[in-house]
């Protein structure tokens, strides 16, 4: 019976040692679990910050795109106005140029008529009695 008690005591000692080993492993695993949870929380926070930054950047991009579209529309409107004004100025220029050419032609015609009239007057004055002789 002593032998049975010794055997039981040895078995109990092994169980105590095994229990202590399991408790030690449990404490180690709990420490690792806590570390993993902290890392998870840190990664979750980092993910949340990045998602927020991404949302902000997407919002800014949408705002910039809206501004760009507005500026493009405004630019196209201004460009259309400028093209219209350029076309109108070209038409006005062409009209004024044609008027100038007509005016210059009329001036030339009047000069020629005046020269012709001057020649006729001189011819008549020379034939009048008492005209100075040249």
Protein backbone atom coordinates (compact mmCIF):
# COMPACT_ATOMS: atom_id res chain seq x y z
CA UNK A 1 0.00 0.00 0.00
CA UNK A 2 2.92 2.29 0.63
CA UNK A 3 3.98 1.64 -2.80
CA UNK A 4 0.56 2.72 -4.03
CA UNK A 5 0.79 5.87 -1.96
CA UNK A 6 4.25 6.62 -3.33
CA UNK A 7 2.97 6.04 -6.80
CA UNK A 8 -0.02 8.28 -6.10
CA UNK A 9 2.23 10.97 -4.62
CA UNK A 10 4.46 10.80 -7.71
CA UNK A 11 1.40 11.07 -9.92
CA UNK A 12 0.08 14.01 -7.91
CA UNK A 13 3.53 15.65 -8.18
CA UNK A 14 3.43 15.18 -11.94
CA UNK A 15 -0.09 16.61 -12.05
CA UNK A 16 1.01 19.63 -9.98
CA UNK A 17 4.03 20.13 -12.24
CA UNK A 18 1.87 19.72 -15.34
CA UNK A 19 -0.75 22.12 -13.89
CA UNK A 20 1.96 24.70 -13.18
CA UNK A 21 3.31 24.25 -16.70
CA UNK A 22 -0.21 24.69 -18.11
CA UNK A 23 -0.72 27.79 -15.94
CA UNK A 24 2.58 29.20 -17.17
CA UNK A 25 1.64 28.48 -20.78
CA UNK A 26 -1.79 29.97 -20.14
CA UNK A 27 -0.22 33.15 -18.75
CA UNK A 28 2.12 33.31 -21.76
CA UNK A 29 -0.79 32.78 -24.14
CA UNK A 30 -2.85 35.43 -22.36
CA UNK A 31 0.06 37.88 -22.59
CA UNK A 32 0.42 37.11 -26.33
CA UNK A 33 -3.34 37.43 -26.75
CA UNK A 34 -3.29 40.81 -25.04
CA UNK A 35 -0.39 41.89 -27.28
CA UNK A 36 -2.28 40.72 -30.37
CA UNK A 37 -5.38 42.58 -29.23
CA UNK A 38 -3.33 45.75 -28.77
CA UNK A 39 -1.82 45.33 -32.23
CA UNK A 40 -5.31 44.70 -33.66
CA UNK A 41 -6.63 47.84 -31.97
CA UNK A 42 -3.67 49.86 -33.27
CA UNK A 43 -4.21 48.50 -36.79
CA UNK A 44 -7.94 49.20 -36.54
CA UNK A 45 -7.19 52.80 -35.49
CA UNK A 46 -4.70 53.15 -38.31
CA UNK A 47 -7.24 51.73 -40.78
CA UNK A 48 -9.88 54.15 -39.50
CA UNK A 49 -7.49 57.11 -39.89
CA UNK A 50 -6.56 56.03 -43.42
CA UNK A 51 -10.21 55.55 -44.38
CA UNK A 52 -10.95 59.03 -43.04
CA UNK A 53 -8.00 60.47 -44.97
CA UNK A 54 -9.14 58.66 -48.10
CA UNK A 55 -12.70 59.96 -47.69
CA UNK A 56 -11.34 63.50 -47.19
CA UNK A 57 -9.14 63.17 -50.27
CA UNK A 58 -12.07 61.82 -52.30
CA UNK A 59 -14.17 64.75 -51.10
CA UNK A 60 -11.43 67.20 -52.03
CA UNK A 61 -11.04 65.54 -55.41
CA UNK A 62 -14.77 65.83 -56.04
CA UNK A 63 -14.59 69.50 -55.06
CA UNK A 64 -11.62 70.07 -57.35
CA UNK A 65 -13.37 68.27 -60.19
CA UNK A 66 -16.46 70.44 -59.68
CA UNK A 67 -14.28 73.57 -59.70
CA UNK A 68 -12.47 72.31 -62.77
CA UNK A 69 -15.75 71.61 -64.56
CA UNK A 70 -17.05 75.08 -63.63
CA UNK A 71 -13.84 76.69 -64.85
CA UNK A 72 -13.97 74.65 -68.07
CA UNK A 73 -17.56 75.76 -68.69
CA UNK A 74 -16.66 79.38 -67.92
CA UNK A 75 -13.62 79.16 -70.19
CA UNK A 76 -15.71 77.74 -73.01
CA UNK A 77 -18.30 80.49 -72.56
CA UNK A 78 -15.63 83.20 -72.57
CA UNK A 79 -13.95 81.58 -75.57
CA UNK A 80 -17.28 81.56 -77.41
CA UNK A 81 -17.82 85.23 -76.58
CA UNK A 82 -14.31 86.08 -77.73
CA UNK A 83 -14.78 84.19 -80.99
CA UNK A 84 -18.07 85.98 -81.53
CA UNK A 85 -16.44 89.36 -80.86
CA UNK A 86 -13.50 88.52 -83.12
CA UNK A 87 -15.94 87.57 -85.87
CA UNK A 88 -17.89 90.79 -85.35
CA UNK A 89 -14.68 92.86 -85.37
CA UNK A 90 -13.52 91.14 -88.54
CA UNK A 91 -16.84 91.94 -90.18
CA UNK A 92 -16.63 95.55 -88.95
CA UNK A 93 -13.03 95.76 -90.16
CA UNK A 94 -13.97 94.44 -93.58
CA UNK A 95 -16.86 96.90 -93.82
CA UNK A 96 -14.66 99.84 -92.79
CA UNK A 97 -11.92 98.70 -95.20
CA UNK A 98 -14.40 98.56 -98.06
CA UNK A 99 -15.74 101.99 -97.09
CA UNK A 100 -12.17 103.33 -96.99
CA UNK A 101 -11.43 101.89 -100.43
CA UNK A 102 -14.66 103.37 -101.78
CA UNK A 103 -13.83 106.71 -100.16
CA UNK A 104 -10.31 106.65 -101.59
CA UNK A 105 -11.68 105.78 -105.03
CA UNK A 106 -14.22 108.62 -104.75
CA UNK A 107 -11.47 111.01 -103.60
CA UNK A 108 -9.33 109.98 -106.57
CA UNK A 109 -12.27 110.44 -108.94
CA UNK A 110 -12.99 113.89 -107.42
CA UNK A 111 -9.32 114.86 -107.74
CA UNK A 112 -9.33 113.85 -111.38
CA UNK A 113 -12.60 115.76 -111.93
CA UNK A 114 -11.14 118.81 -110.15
CA UNK A 115 -7.97 118.59 -112.30
CA UNK A 116 -10.07 118.30 -115.41
CA UNK A 117 -12.26 121.25 -114.29
CA UNK A 118 -9.16 123.29 -113.46
CA UNK A 119 -7.78 122.57 -116.91
CA UNK A 120 -11.05 123.61 -118.54
CA UNK A 121 -11.23 126.80 -116.43
CA UNK A 122 -7.63 127.65 -117.31
CA UNK A 123 -8.44 127.01 -120.97
CA UNK A 124 -11.49 129.28 -120.79
CA UNK A 125 -9.61 132.00 -118.89
CA UNK A 126 -6.84 132.00 -121.49
CA UNK A 127 -9.36 132.56 -124.28
CA UNK A 128 -11.10 135.47 -122.57
CA UNK A 129 -10.29 138.91 -123.89
CA UNK A 130 -7.78 140.74 -121.71
CA UNK A 131 -6.29 137.58 -120.35
CA UNK A 132 -2.61 137.81 -119.58
CA UNK A 133 -0.45 136.31 -122.23
CA UNK A 134 1.99 133.73 -121.22
